[in-house]
């Protein structure tokens, strides 16, 4: 039978689950988890940032290799999607919320707020850690969920992503005083929800990676260091 002229081939592609993306996400997760466990077992090896760097390099290599054969994947992943004015405005609102929430927590803990010049280069450096997280959360995980009927809609997926992203931060060491609950586990639930909503609405991960890097550095210096 011939192709149905009324069906857009790109639409058919978008409804197809990309198992290669999921397999790659599993491999990177296994590699980085192994490196993290080795770093905890052998602290003298000083592998604290190696897992993030390896994840970044593997992700970058995968994107380049897939894009050479399937350049349309770059738009599906939200890497080359043009940013319109609403997307920029929404990104700035999310950034303001991220900075404002960290500032509020920091003032509540110490009664003051500082911003050292060294924070800026640390934010740039943390793009290495933030980009792979956004890629796997949104470009792989979120795209996968949009192709499952049970998760269709603008609210079900953000709730699911926020919950999974929160649980993924249970290993972080800074705990809410008097509890076993990591502070990041609480804060990243709304962050994951907002990131999922933004990606569904604007299909771009680059602003999210930048917000993630800025928010993490402020969280570490304004909140976690004082717990």
N, C-alpha and C. Protein backbone atom coordinates (compact mmCIF):
# COMPACT_ATOMS: atom_id res chain seq x y z
N UNK A 1 0.84 -1.19 0.00
CA UNK A 1 0.00 0.00 0.00
C UNK A 1 0.88 1.25 0.00
N UNK A 2 0.44 2.33 -0.66
CA UNK A 2 1.22 3.55 -0.73
C UNK A 2 1.08 4.37 0.52
N UNK A 3 1.88 5.42 0.63
CA UNK A 3 1.85 6.32 1.77
C UNK A 3 0.57 7.13 1.76
N UNK A 4 0.05 7.39 2.92
CA UNK A 4 -1.14 8.23 3.04
C UNK A 4 -0.71 9.68 2.89
N UNK A 5 -1.15 10.35 1.79
CA UNK A 5 -0.68 11.72 1.56
C UNK A 5 -1.16 12.69 2.61
N UNK A 6 -2.17 12.28 3.38
CA UNK A 6 -2.70 13.19 4.39
C UNK A 6 -1.95 13.16 5.70
N UNK A 7 -0.95 12.28 5.82
CA UNK A 7 -0.20 12.13 7.07
C UNK A 7 1.20 12.71 6.88
N UNK A 8 1.55 13.61 7.74
CA UNK A 8 2.88 14.23 7.69
C UNK A 8 3.93 13.23 8.17
N UNK A 9 4.96 12.91 7.35
CA UNK A 9 5.97 11.95 7.78
C UNK A 9 6.67 12.37 9.06
N UNK A 10 6.88 13.69 9.24
CA UNK A 10 7.53 14.15 10.46
C UNK A 10 6.67 13.87 11.68
N UNK A 11 5.34 13.97 11.51
CA UNK A 11 4.43 13.66 12.62
C UNK A 11 4.52 12.20 13.00
N UNK A 12 4.64 11.32 11.98
CA UNK A 12 4.78 9.89 12.28
C UNK A 12 6.07 9.65 13.04
N UNK A 13 7.14 10.34 12.62
CA UNK A 13 8.44 10.18 13.29
C UNK A 13 8.36 10.60 14.75
N UNK A 14 7.65 11.73 15.01
CA UNK A 14 7.56 12.25 16.36
C UNK A 14 6.78 11.33 17.28
N UNK A 15 5.89 10.50 16.70
CA UNK A 15 5.10 9.60 17.54
C UNK A 15 5.84 8.30 17.81
N UNK A 16 6.98 8.09 17.17
CA UNK A 16 7.73 6.85 17.31
C UNK A 16 8.72 6.97 18.46
N UNK A 17 8.70 6.00 19.35
CA UNK A 17 9.64 6.00 20.47
C UNK A 17 11.05 5.72 19.96
N UNK A 18 11.98 6.54 20.34
CA UNK A 18 13.37 6.38 19.92
C UNK A 18 14.09 5.52 20.96
N UNK A 19 14.15 4.24 20.69
CA UNK A 19 14.77 3.31 21.65
C UNK A 19 16.27 3.52 21.74
N UNK A 20 16.88 4.06 20.69
CA UNK A 20 18.32 4.33 20.74
C UNK A 20 18.62 5.38 21.79
N UNK A 21 17.79 6.43 21.86
CA UNK A 21 17.96 7.46 22.90
C UNK A 21 17.86 6.84 24.29
N UNK A 22 16.87 5.99 24.48
CA UNK A 22 16.67 5.38 25.80
C UNK A 22 17.82 4.45 26.17
N UNK A 23 18.31 3.68 25.21
CA UNK A 23 19.44 2.79 25.49
C UNK A 23 20.68 3.60 25.85
N UNK A 24 20.90 4.70 25.11
CA UNK A 24 22.06 5.53 25.40
C UNK A 24 21.93 6.16 26.80
N UNK A 25 20.73 6.61 27.15
CA UNK A 25 20.52 7.18 28.48
C UNK A 25 20.85 6.16 29.56
N UNK A 26 20.44 4.91 29.34
CA UNK A 26 20.73 3.85 30.32
C UNK A 26 22.24 3.62 30.43
N UNK A 27 22.94 3.62 29.31
CA UNK A 27 24.39 3.40 29.33
C UNK A 27 25.10 4.52 30.08
N UNK A 28 24.73 5.77 29.76
CA UNK A 28 25.37 6.91 30.44
C UNK A 28 25.05 6.87 31.93
N UNK A 29 23.81 6.54 32.28
CA UNK A 29 23.44 6.43 33.69
C UNK A 29 24.27 5.38 34.41
N UNK A 30 24.47 4.23 33.76
CA UNK A 30 25.26 3.16 34.38
C UNK A 30 26.72 3.58 34.55
N UNK A 31 27.27 4.24 33.53
CA UNK A 31 28.68 4.67 33.60
C UNK A 31 28.88 5.71 34.69
N UNK A 32 28.02 6.73 34.73
CA UNK A 32 28.19 7.79 35.72
C UNK A 32 27.92 7.29 37.14
N UNK A 33 26.95 6.39 37.29
CA UNK A 33 26.69 5.82 38.62
C UNK A 33 27.90 5.02 39.10
N UNK A 34 28.50 4.26 38.19
CA UNK A 34 29.69 3.48 38.55
C UNK A 34 30.82 4.41 38.98
N UNK A 35 31.04 5.49 38.22
CA UNK A 35 32.09 6.45 38.58
C UNK A 35 31.81 7.11 39.93
N UNK A 36 30.54 7.42 40.17
CA UNK A 36 30.19 8.05 41.45
C UNK A 36 30.44 7.09 42.61
N UNK A 37 30.08 5.82 42.44
CA UNK A 37 30.31 4.83 43.49
C UNK A 37 31.80 4.61 43.74
N UNK A 38 32.57 4.59 42.65
CA UNK A 38 34.02 4.45 42.80
C UNK A 38 34.59 5.65 43.55
N UNK A 39 34.10 6.85 43.21
CA UNK A 39 34.57 8.05 43.89
C UNK A 39 34.26 8.04 45.38
N UNK A 40 33.09 7.49 45.75
CA UNK A 40 32.74 7.40 47.17
C UNK A 40 33.57 6.34 47.88
N UNK A 41 33.87 5.25 47.17
CA UNK A 41 34.66 4.18 47.79
C UNK A 41 36.15 4.53 47.86
N UNK A 42 36.62 5.34 46.90
CA UNK A 42 38.03 5.72 46.83
C UNK A 42 38.17 7.24 46.80
N UNK A 43 37.88 7.93 47.89
CA UNK A 43 37.94 9.40 47.89
C UNK A 43 39.33 9.93 47.57
N UNK A 44 40.36 9.13 47.83
CA UNK A 44 41.73 9.59 47.55
C UNK A 44 41.99 9.71 46.05
N UNK A 45 41.15 9.12 45.22
CA UNK A 45 41.30 9.23 43.77
C UNK A 45 40.79 10.57 43.24
N UNK A 46 40.04 11.30 44.06
CA UNK A 46 39.54 12.64 43.71
C UNK A 46 38.77 12.63 42.38
N UNK A 47 37.72 11.81 42.33
CA UNK A 47 36.89 11.68 41.13
C UNK A 47 35.61 12.49 41.22
N UNK A 48 35.59 13.53 42.05
CA UNK A 48 34.35 14.26 42.33
C UNK A 48 33.65 14.77 41.07
N UNK A 49 34.39 15.32 40.12
CA UNK A 49 33.77 15.92 38.94
C UNK A 49 33.90 15.07 37.68
N UNK A 50 34.53 13.90 37.81
CA UNK A 50 34.77 13.08 36.63
C UNK A 50 33.47 12.55 36.04
N UNK A 51 32.53 12.14 36.90
CA UNK A 51 31.28 11.58 36.39
C UNK A 51 30.52 12.59 35.54
N UNK A 52 30.49 13.86 35.97
CA UNK A 52 29.80 14.90 35.20
C UNK A 52 30.50 15.15 33.87
N UNK A 53 31.83 15.19 33.88
CA UNK A 53 32.59 15.43 32.65
C UNK A 53 32.39 14.28 31.67
N UNK A 54 32.43 13.06 32.16
CA UNK A 54 32.24 11.90 31.29
C UNK A 54 30.83 11.92 30.69
N UNK A 55 29.83 12.24 31.51
CA UNK A 55 28.46 12.31 31.00
C UNK A 55 28.33 13.38 29.92
N UNK A 56 28.98 14.52 30.13
CA UNK A 56 28.93 15.61 29.15
C UNK A 56 29.58 15.19 27.83
N UNK A 57 30.76 14.60 27.90
CA UNK A 57 31.47 14.21 26.69
C UNK A 57 30.73 13.11 25.94
N UNK A 58 30.19 12.13 26.67
CA UNK A 58 29.41 11.08 26.02
C UNK A 58 28.17 11.65 25.35
N UNK A 59 27.49 12.56 26.05
CA UNK A 59 26.28 13.17 25.50
C UNK A 59 26.59 14.00 24.26
N UNK A 60 27.64 14.79 24.32
CA UNK A 60 28.03 15.62 23.18
C UNK A 60 28.39 14.75 21.98
N UNK A 61 29.15 13.70 22.22
CA UNK A 61 29.51 12.79 21.13
C UNK A 61 28.30 12.12 20.52
N UNK A 62 27.37 11.71 21.36
CA UNK A 62 26.14 11.06 20.87
C UNK A 62 25.32 12.02 20.02
N UNK A 63 25.17 13.26 20.48
CA UNK A 63 24.39 14.26 19.74
C UNK A 63 25.01 14.50 18.37
N UNK A 64 26.32 14.66 18.31
CA UNK A 64 27.00 14.91 17.04
C UNK A 64 26.84 13.72 16.10
N UNK A 65 27.02 12.50 16.63
CA UNK A 65 26.93 11.30 15.79
C UNK A 65 25.52 11.11 15.24
N UNK A 66 24.50 11.29 16.09
CA UNK A 66 23.11 11.11 15.62
C UNK A 66 22.71 12.22 14.66
N UNK A 67 23.14 13.46 14.95
CA UNK A 67 22.73 14.60 14.13
C UNK A 67 23.33 14.53 12.73
N UNK A 68 24.46 13.90 12.55
CA UNK A 68 25.06 13.77 11.22
C UNK A 68 24.18 12.91 10.32
N UNK A 69 23.51 11.92 10.89
CA UNK A 69 22.64 11.05 10.10
C UNK A 69 21.19 11.50 10.13
N UNK A 70 20.77 12.09 11.26
CA UNK A 70 19.38 12.53 11.41
C UNK A 70 19.35 13.95 11.98
N UNK A 71 19.61 14.95 11.15
CA UNK A 71 19.65 16.33 11.66
C UNK A 71 18.34 16.79 12.26
N UNK A 72 17.21 16.16 11.88
CA UNK A 72 15.92 16.55 12.45
C UNK A 72 15.83 16.24 13.94
N UNK A 73 16.71 15.36 14.43
CA UNK A 73 16.71 15.05 15.86
C UNK A 73 17.08 16.26 16.70
N UNK A 74 17.85 17.19 16.15
CA UNK A 74 18.26 18.37 16.91
C UNK A 74 17.05 19.18 17.34
N UNK A 75 16.06 19.29 16.47
CA UNK A 75 14.84 20.01 16.85
C UNK A 75 14.02 19.20 17.85
N UNK A 76 13.95 17.88 17.64
CA UNK A 76 13.19 17.05 18.58
C UNK A 76 13.80 17.11 19.97
N UNK A 77 15.12 17.16 20.04
CA UNK A 77 15.81 17.26 21.33
C UNK A 77 15.71 18.66 21.94
N UNK A 78 15.31 19.65 21.15
CA UNK A 78 15.21 21.01 21.67
C UNK A 78 16.53 21.75 21.71
N UNK A 79 17.44 21.40 20.81
CA UNK A 79 18.76 22.04 20.79
C UNK A 79 18.83 23.18 19.79
N UNK A 80 18.20 23.00 18.63
CA UNK A 80 18.28 24.03 17.58
C UNK A 80 16.96 24.78 17.39
N UNK A 81 15.98 24.53 18.23
CA UNK A 81 14.70 25.22 18.11
C UNK A 81 14.89 26.72 18.34
N UNK A 82 14.44 27.57 17.41
CA UNK A 82 14.60 29.03 17.61
C UNK A 82 13.85 29.50 18.85
N UNK A 83 14.43 30.47 19.55
CA UNK A 83 13.80 31.05 20.74
C UNK A 83 13.02 32.30 20.33
N UNK A 84 11.70 32.25 20.50
CA UNK A 84 10.90 33.43 20.22
C UNK A 84 10.78 34.28 21.48
N UNK A 85 10.09 35.42 21.36
CA UNK A 85 9.99 36.34 22.50
C UNK A 85 9.30 35.71 23.70
N UNK A 86 8.17 34.99 23.54
CA UNK A 86 7.56 34.33 24.71
C UNK A 86 8.50 33.33 25.40
N UNK A 87 9.31 32.62 24.60
CA UNK A 87 10.24 31.66 25.19
C UNK A 87 11.30 32.36 26.02
N UNK A 88 11.81 33.48 25.52
CA UNK A 88 12.81 34.25 26.27
C UNK A 88 12.18 34.83 27.53
N UNK A 89 10.96 35.38 27.41
CA UNK A 89 10.29 35.97 28.57
C UNK A 89 10.02 34.90 29.64
N UNK A 90 9.54 33.74 29.22
CA UNK A 90 9.27 32.67 30.18
C UNK A 90 10.56 32.19 30.84
N UNK A 91 11.65 32.13 30.07
CA UNK A 91 12.94 31.74 30.63
C UNK A 91 13.42 32.73 31.68
N UNK A 92 13.23 34.00 31.43
CA UNK A 92 13.63 35.02 32.40
C UNK A 92 12.79 34.94 33.67
N UNK A 93 11.50 34.62 33.52
CA UNK A 93 10.64 34.45 34.70
C UNK A 93 11.12 33.26 35.53
N UNK A 94 11.42 32.15 34.86
CA UNK A 94 11.92 30.97 35.59
C UNK A 94 13.26 31.27 36.27
N UNK A 95 14.11 32.03 35.60
CA UNK A 95 15.39 32.40 36.20
C UNK A 95 15.17 33.26 37.44
N UNK A 96 14.25 34.23 37.34
CA UNK A 96 13.96 35.09 38.49
C UNK A 96 13.42 34.28 39.66
N UNK A 97 12.56 33.30 39.37
CA UNK A 97 12.03 32.45 40.44
C UNK A 97 13.14 31.63 41.08
N UNK A 98 14.04 31.08 40.23
CA UNK A 98 15.14 30.27 40.75
C UNK A 98 16.05 31.09 41.65
N UNK A 99 16.44 32.28 41.18
CA UNK A 99 17.33 33.14 41.97
C UNK A 99 16.62 33.63 43.23
N UNK A 100 15.36 34.04 43.09
CA UNK A 100 14.61 34.55 44.24
C UNK A 100 14.41 33.51 45.32
N UNK A 101 14.12 32.27 44.92
CA UNK A 101 13.92 31.21 45.92
C UNK A 101 15.20 30.90 46.67
N UNK A 102 16.35 30.85 45.94
CA UNK A 102 17.63 30.60 46.62
C UNK A 102 17.97 31.75 47.56
N UNK A 103 17.68 32.98 47.12
CA UNK A 103 17.96 34.15 47.97
C UNK A 103 17.11 34.10 49.23
N UNK A 104 15.85 33.73 49.11
CA UNK A 104 14.97 33.66 50.28
C UNK A 104 15.46 32.62 51.28
N UNK A 105 15.86 31.45 50.77
CA UNK A 105 16.39 30.41 51.66
C UNK A 105 17.68 30.88 52.32
N UNK A 106 18.55 31.52 51.54
CA UNK A 106 19.82 31.98 52.08
C UNK A 106 19.64 33.02 53.18
N UNK A 107 18.74 33.97 52.96
CA UNK A 107 18.48 34.99 53.98
C UNK A 107 17.86 34.36 55.22
N UNK A 108 16.97 33.38 55.03
CA UNK A 108 16.34 32.71 56.17
C UNK A 108 17.38 31.97 57.01
N UNK A 109 18.42 31.44 56.37
CA UNK A 109 19.43 30.67 57.09
C UNK A 109 20.47 31.56 57.77
N UNK A 110 20.91 32.62 57.09
CA UNK A 110 22.03 33.40 57.60
C UNK A 110 21.69 34.86 57.90
N UNK A 111 20.55 35.32 57.43
CA UNK A 111 20.18 36.71 57.65
C UNK A 111 20.86 37.69 56.73
N UNK A 112 21.65 37.19 55.76
CA UNK A 112 22.32 38.08 54.81
C UNK A 112 22.51 37.34 53.49
N UNK A 113 22.97 38.05 52.48
CA UNK A 113 23.15 37.46 51.16
C UNK A 113 24.36 38.08 50.49
N UNK A 114 25.28 37.25 50.05
CA UNK A 114 26.47 37.73 49.35
C UNK A 114 26.51 37.14 47.94
N UNK A 115 27.16 37.87 47.04
CA UNK A 115 27.42 37.33 45.70
C UNK A 115 28.88 37.61 45.37
N UNK A 116 29.68 36.56 45.39
CA UNK A 116 31.10 36.70 45.10
C UNK A 116 31.35 36.62 43.60
N UNK A 117 32.33 37.36 43.08
CA UNK A 117 32.65 37.30 41.65
C UNK A 117 32.95 35.88 41.16
N UNK A 118 33.46 35.03 42.05
CA UNK A 118 33.81 33.67 41.65
C UNK A 118 32.59 32.85 41.28
N UNK A 119 31.39 33.27 41.69
CA UNK A 119 30.19 32.52 41.35
C UNK A 119 29.98 32.44 39.84
N UNK A 120 30.27 33.53 39.14
CA UNK A 120 30.01 33.59 37.69
C UNK A 120 30.78 32.52 36.92
N UNK A 121 32.11 32.40 37.09
CA UNK A 121 32.80 31.33 36.36
C UNK A 121 32.37 29.93 36.79
N UNK A 122 31.95 29.78 38.05
CA UNK A 122 31.46 28.47 38.49
C UNK A 122 30.17 28.11 37.78
N UNK A 123 29.34 29.11 37.50
CA UNK A 123 28.09 28.86 36.76
C UNK A 123 28.40 28.38 35.35
N UNK A 124 29.40 29.02 34.73
CA UNK A 124 29.81 28.60 33.38
C UNK A 124 30.36 27.18 33.42
N UNK A 125 31.18 26.89 34.42
CA UNK A 125 31.78 25.56 34.56
C UNK A 125 30.71 24.50 34.76
N UNK A 126 29.64 24.84 35.48
CA UNK A 126 28.64 23.82 35.79
C UNK A 126 27.73 23.50 34.60
N UNK A 127 27.85 24.22 33.51
CA UNK A 127 27.12 23.85 32.29
C UNK A 127 27.46 22.42 31.91
N UNK A 128 28.70 22.00 32.18
CA UNK A 128 29.12 20.63 31.90
C UNK A 128 28.24 19.62 32.63
N UNK A 129 27.84 19.95 33.86
CA UNK A 129 26.97 19.06 34.61
C UNK A 129 25.50 19.27 34.31
N UNK A 130 25.11 20.51 34.02
CA UNK A 130 23.70 20.83 33.82
C UNK A 130 23.18 20.35 32.48
N UNK A 131 23.98 20.48 31.42
CA UNK A 131 23.49 20.15 30.09
C UNK A 131 23.08 18.68 29.96
N UNK A 132 23.92 17.71 30.37
CA UNK A 132 23.48 16.32 30.25
C UNK A 132 22.21 16.03 31.06
N UNK A 133 22.08 16.64 32.23
CA UNK A 133 20.88 16.41 33.03
C UNK A 133 19.64 16.90 32.30
N UNK A 134 19.71 18.09 31.69
CA UNK A 134 18.56 18.59 30.95
C UNK A 134 18.30 17.75 29.70
N UNK A 135 19.36 17.28 29.07
CA UNK A 135 19.20 16.47 27.86
C UNK A 135 18.45 15.18 28.19
N UNK A 136 18.88 14.50 29.24
CA UNK A 136 18.25 13.22 29.55
C UNK A 136 16.87 13.40 30.19
N UNK A 137 16.69 14.47 30.95
CA UNK A 137 15.38 14.69 31.56
C UNK A 137 14.35 15.11 30.53
N UNK A 138 14.72 16.05 29.65
CA UNK A 138 13.76 16.62 28.69
C UNK A 138 13.87 15.97 27.31
N UNK A 139 15.04 16.06 26.70
CA UNK A 139 15.19 15.61 25.31
C UNK A 139 14.97 14.12 25.15
N UNK A 140 15.28 13.33 26.17
CA UNK A 140 15.08 11.89 26.09
C UNK A 140 13.86 11.47 26.90
N UNK A 141 13.88 11.71 28.22
CA UNK A 141 12.80 11.23 29.08
C UNK A 141 11.47 11.88 28.78
N UNK A 142 11.46 13.20 28.65
CA UNK A 142 10.21 13.91 28.42
C UNK A 142 9.63 13.60 27.04
N UNK A 143 10.49 13.55 26.03
CA UNK A 143 10.03 13.19 24.69
C UNK A 143 9.44 11.78 24.69
N UNK A 144 10.07 10.87 25.42
CA UNK A 144 9.55 9.50 25.54
C UNK A 144 8.15 9.49 26.16
N UNK A 145 7.98 10.26 27.25
CA UNK A 145 6.68 10.27 27.92
C UNK A 145 5.57 10.87 27.06
N UNK A 146 5.92 11.84 26.21
CA UNK A 146 4.90 12.45 25.36
C UNK A 146 4.33 11.45 24.36
N UNK A 147 5.03 10.34 24.13
CA UNK A 147 4.56 9.34 23.16
C UNK A 147 3.79 8.21 23.82
N UNK A 148 3.57 8.34 25.13
CA UNK A 148 2.77 7.35 25.87
C UNK A 148 1.43 7.98 26.19
N UNK A 149 0.35 7.33 25.77
CA UNK A 149 -0.98 7.90 25.88
C UNK A 149 -1.33 8.32 27.30
N UNK A 150 -0.92 7.52 28.29
CA UNK A 150 -1.30 7.80 29.69
C UNK A 150 -0.72 9.12 30.20
N UNK A 151 0.34 9.61 29.57
CA UNK A 151 1.00 10.82 30.05
C UNK A 151 0.68 12.05 29.20
N UNK A 152 -0.18 11.92 28.23
CA UNK A 152 -0.46 13.06 27.37
C UNK A 152 -1.18 14.17 28.13
N UNK A 153 -0.78 15.39 27.84
CA UNK A 153 -1.37 16.53 28.55
C UNK A 153 -0.27 17.42 29.09
N UNK A 154 -0.60 18.66 29.40
CA UNK A 154 0.39 19.63 29.84
C UNK A 154 0.74 19.52 31.32
N UNK A 155 0.01 18.71 32.10
CA UNK A 155 0.25 18.67 33.54
C UNK A 155 0.72 17.31 34.03
N UNK A 156 0.27 16.23 33.41
CA UNK A 156 0.67 14.90 33.88
C UNK A 156 2.18 14.69 33.76
N UNK A 157 2.72 15.04 32.60
CA UNK A 157 4.15 14.83 32.39
C UNK A 157 5.00 15.70 33.31
N UNK A 158 4.73 17.01 33.44
CA UNK A 158 5.54 17.81 34.38
C UNK A 158 5.51 17.27 35.81
N UNK A 159 4.36 16.79 36.26
CA UNK A 159 4.28 16.21 37.60
C UNK A 159 5.15 14.96 37.71
N UNK A 160 5.07 14.10 36.70
CA UNK A 160 5.87 12.87 36.71
C UNK A 160 7.36 13.19 36.65
N UNK A 161 7.75 14.14 35.79
CA UNK A 161 9.16 14.51 35.65
C UNK A 161 9.67 15.15 36.94
N UNK A 162 8.86 16.03 37.53
CA UNK A 162 9.26 16.66 38.78
C UNK A 162 9.51 15.63 39.87
N UNK A 163 8.65 14.62 39.96
CA UNK A 163 8.80 13.58 40.98
C UNK A 163 10.06 12.75 40.73
N UNK A 164 10.27 12.33 39.49
CA UNK A 164 11.45 11.51 39.17
C UNK A 164 12.74 12.31 39.40
N UNK A 165 12.74 13.58 38.97
CA UNK A 165 13.91 14.44 39.15
C UNK A 165 14.20 14.64 40.64
N UNK A 166 13.14 14.75 41.44
CA UNK A 166 13.31 14.90 42.87
C UNK A 166 13.93 13.64 43.49
N UNK A 167 13.39 12.49 43.15
CA UNK A 167 13.91 11.23 43.70
C UNK A 167 15.36 10.98 43.29
N UNK A 168 15.73 11.46 42.09
CA UNK A 168 17.10 11.27 41.61
C UNK A 168 18.11 12.04 42.44
N UNK A 169 17.65 13.02 43.24
CA UNK A 169 18.56 13.82 44.06
C UNK A 169 18.60 13.36 45.52
N UNK A 170 18.10 12.16 45.79
CA UNK A 170 18.10 11.68 47.17
C UNK A 170 19.51 11.47 47.71
N UNK A 171 20.49 11.26 46.79
CA UNK A 171 21.87 10.99 47.22
C UNK A 171 22.59 12.24 47.68
N UNK A 172 22.07 13.43 47.39
CA UNK A 172 22.81 14.66 47.73
C UNK A 172 22.96 14.79 49.25
N UNK A 173 24.11 15.27 49.72
CA UNK A 173 24.41 15.21 51.15
C UNK A 173 23.73 16.25 52.03
N UNK A 174 23.39 17.44 51.50
CA UNK A 174 22.84 18.51 52.35
C UNK A 174 21.39 18.20 52.71
N UNK A 175 21.13 17.97 53.99
CA UNK A 175 19.80 17.56 54.45
C UNK A 175 19.07 18.71 55.15
N UNK A 176 17.76 18.66 55.10
CA UNK A 176 16.96 19.59 55.88
C UNK A 176 17.25 19.31 57.36
N UNK A 177 17.59 20.33 58.15
CA UNK A 177 17.97 20.10 59.55
C UNK A 177 16.94 19.25 60.30
N UNK A 178 17.44 18.20 60.97
CA UNK A 178 16.58 17.33 61.76
C UNK A 178 15.88 16.25 60.98
N UNK A 179 16.17 16.13 59.67
CA UNK A 179 15.51 15.11 58.85
C UNK A 179 16.56 14.39 58.00
N UNK A 180 16.11 13.33 57.31
CA UNK A 180 16.98 12.63 56.37
C UNK A 180 16.71 13.08 54.94
N UNK A 181 15.89 14.12 54.77
CA UNK A 181 15.47 14.56 53.44
C UNK A 181 16.47 15.58 52.89
N UNK A 182 17.08 15.30 51.75
CA UNK A 182 18.02 16.27 51.15
C UNK A 182 17.28 17.54 50.71
N UNK A 183 17.90 18.68 50.92
CA UNK A 183 17.27 19.94 50.53
C UNK A 183 17.05 20.00 49.03
N UNK A 184 17.99 19.43 48.24
CA UNK A 184 17.83 19.44 46.78
C UNK A 184 16.62 18.63 46.35
N UNK A 185 16.32 17.56 47.08
CA UNK A 185 15.18 16.72 46.73
C UNK A 185 13.88 17.51 46.80
N UNK A 186 13.80 18.44 47.75
CA UNK A 186 12.60 19.27 47.89
C UNK A 186 12.56 20.35 46.82
N UNK A 187 13.71 21.00 46.60
CA UNK A 187 13.73 22.14 45.69
C UNK A 187 13.63 21.76 44.23
N UNK A 188 14.15 20.59 43.85
CA UNK A 188 14.15 20.26 42.43
C UNK A 188 12.81 19.72 41.96
N UNK A 189 11.89 19.41 42.86
CA UNK A 189 10.56 18.99 42.37
C UNK A 189 9.88 20.12 41.60
N UNK A 190 9.74 21.33 42.18
CA UNK A 190 9.16 22.41 41.37
C UNK A 190 10.05 22.78 40.19
N UNK A 191 11.38 22.63 40.34
CA UNK A 191 12.28 22.94 39.24
C UNK A 191 12.06 21.97 38.08
N UNK A 192 11.92 20.68 38.40
CA UNK A 192 11.65 19.68 37.36
C UNK A 192 10.31 19.90 36.70
N UNK A 193 9.31 20.26 37.51
CA UNK A 193 7.98 20.55 36.97
C UNK A 193 8.05 21.72 35.99
N UNK A 194 8.71 22.81 36.40
CA UNK A 194 8.80 24.00 35.56
C UNK A 194 9.60 23.72 34.29
N UNK A 195 10.69 22.96 34.40
CA UNK A 195 11.50 22.64 33.23
C UNK A 195 10.70 21.81 32.23
N UNK A 196 9.93 20.85 32.74
CA UNK A 196 9.12 20.02 31.85
C UNK A 196 8.06 20.86 31.15
N UNK A 197 7.42 21.75 31.90
CA UNK A 197 6.41 22.64 31.28
C UNK A 197 7.05 23.50 30.20
N UNK A 198 8.21 24.07 30.50
CA UNK A 198 8.89 24.95 29.55
C UNK A 198 9.24 24.18 28.28
N UNK A 199 9.76 22.97 28.44
CA UNK A 199 10.15 22.18 27.27
C UNK A 199 8.94 21.82 26.43
N UNK A 200 7.85 21.42 27.07
CA UNK A 200 6.64 21.09 26.33
C UNK A 200 6.10 22.30 25.58
N UNK A 201 6.26 23.47 26.17
CA UNK A 201 5.70 24.68 25.57
C UNK A 201 6.59 25.26 24.48
N UNK A 202 7.93 25.23 24.70
CA UNK A 202 8.83 25.92 23.78
C UNK A 202 9.86 25.02 23.09
N UNK A 203 9.97 23.79 23.50
CA UNK A 203 10.86 22.80 22.89
C UNK A 203 12.30 23.31 22.81
N UNK A 204 12.85 23.74 23.93
CA UNK A 204 14.24 24.19 23.97
C UNK A 204 14.84 23.84 25.32
N UNK A 205 16.07 23.27 25.30
CA UNK A 205 16.73 22.92 26.56
C UNK A 205 17.87 23.87 26.91
N UNK A 206 18.31 24.70 25.97
CA UNK A 206 19.47 25.56 26.24
C UNK A 206 19.18 26.58 27.35
N UNK A 207 18.04 27.28 27.35
CA UNK A 207 17.75 28.16 28.49
C UNK A 207 17.65 27.40 29.80
N UNK A 208 17.12 26.18 29.75
CA UNK A 208 16.97 25.38 30.95
C UNK A 208 18.33 24.99 31.52
N UNK A 209 19.27 24.65 30.64
CA UNK A 209 20.62 24.31 31.10
C UNK A 209 21.28 25.51 31.77
N UNK A 210 21.08 26.70 31.20
CA UNK A 210 21.67 27.92 31.79
C UNK A 210 21.05 28.21 33.15
N UNK A 211 19.72 28.11 33.24
CA UNK A 211 19.03 28.35 34.52
C UNK A 211 19.48 27.33 35.56
N UNK A 212 19.63 26.08 35.12
CA UNK A 212 20.07 25.00 36.01
C UNK A 212 21.45 25.32 36.58
N UNK A 213 22.37 25.75 35.72
CA UNK A 213 23.73 26.04 36.17
C UNK A 213 23.75 27.21 37.16
N UNK A 214 23.01 28.27 36.85
CA UNK A 214 22.96 29.42 37.74
C UNK A 214 22.33 29.05 39.08
N UNK A 215 21.19 28.34 39.01
CA UNK A 215 20.48 27.97 40.23
C UNK A 215 21.29 27.05 41.12
N UNK A 216 22.04 26.12 40.51
CA UNK A 216 22.81 25.18 41.33
C UNK A 216 23.91 25.89 42.11
N UNK A 217 24.63 26.77 41.44
CA UNK A 217 25.73 27.48 42.12
C UNK A 217 25.19 28.32 43.27
N UNK A 218 24.07 29.01 43.05
CA UNK A 218 23.48 29.81 44.12
C UNK A 218 22.96 28.93 45.25
N UNK A 219 22.35 27.80 44.90
CA UNK A 219 21.86 26.87 45.92
C UNK A 219 23.02 26.38 46.79
N UNK A 220 24.12 26.02 46.15
CA UNK A 220 25.26 25.48 46.89
C UNK A 220 25.85 26.54 47.84
N UNK A 221 26.00 27.77 47.34
CA UNK A 221 26.67 28.79 48.12
C UNK A 221 25.74 29.52 49.10
N UNK A 222 24.49 29.67 48.75
CA UNK A 222 23.56 30.41 49.61
C UNK A 222 22.81 29.51 50.58
N UNK A 223 22.68 28.22 50.26
CA UNK A 223 21.84 27.35 51.09
C UNK A 223 22.62 26.17 51.64
N UNK A 224 23.13 25.30 50.75
CA UNK A 224 23.72 24.04 51.20
C UNK A 224 24.90 24.25 52.15
N UNK A 225 25.72 25.24 51.90
CA UNK A 225 26.90 25.44 52.74
C UNK A 225 26.54 25.84 54.16
N UNK A 226 25.31 26.25 54.41
CA UNK A 226 24.90 26.72 55.74
C UNK A 226 24.00 25.74 56.46
N UNK A 227 23.80 24.56 55.88
CA UNK A 227 22.95 23.56 56.53
C UNK A 227 23.79 22.67 57.44
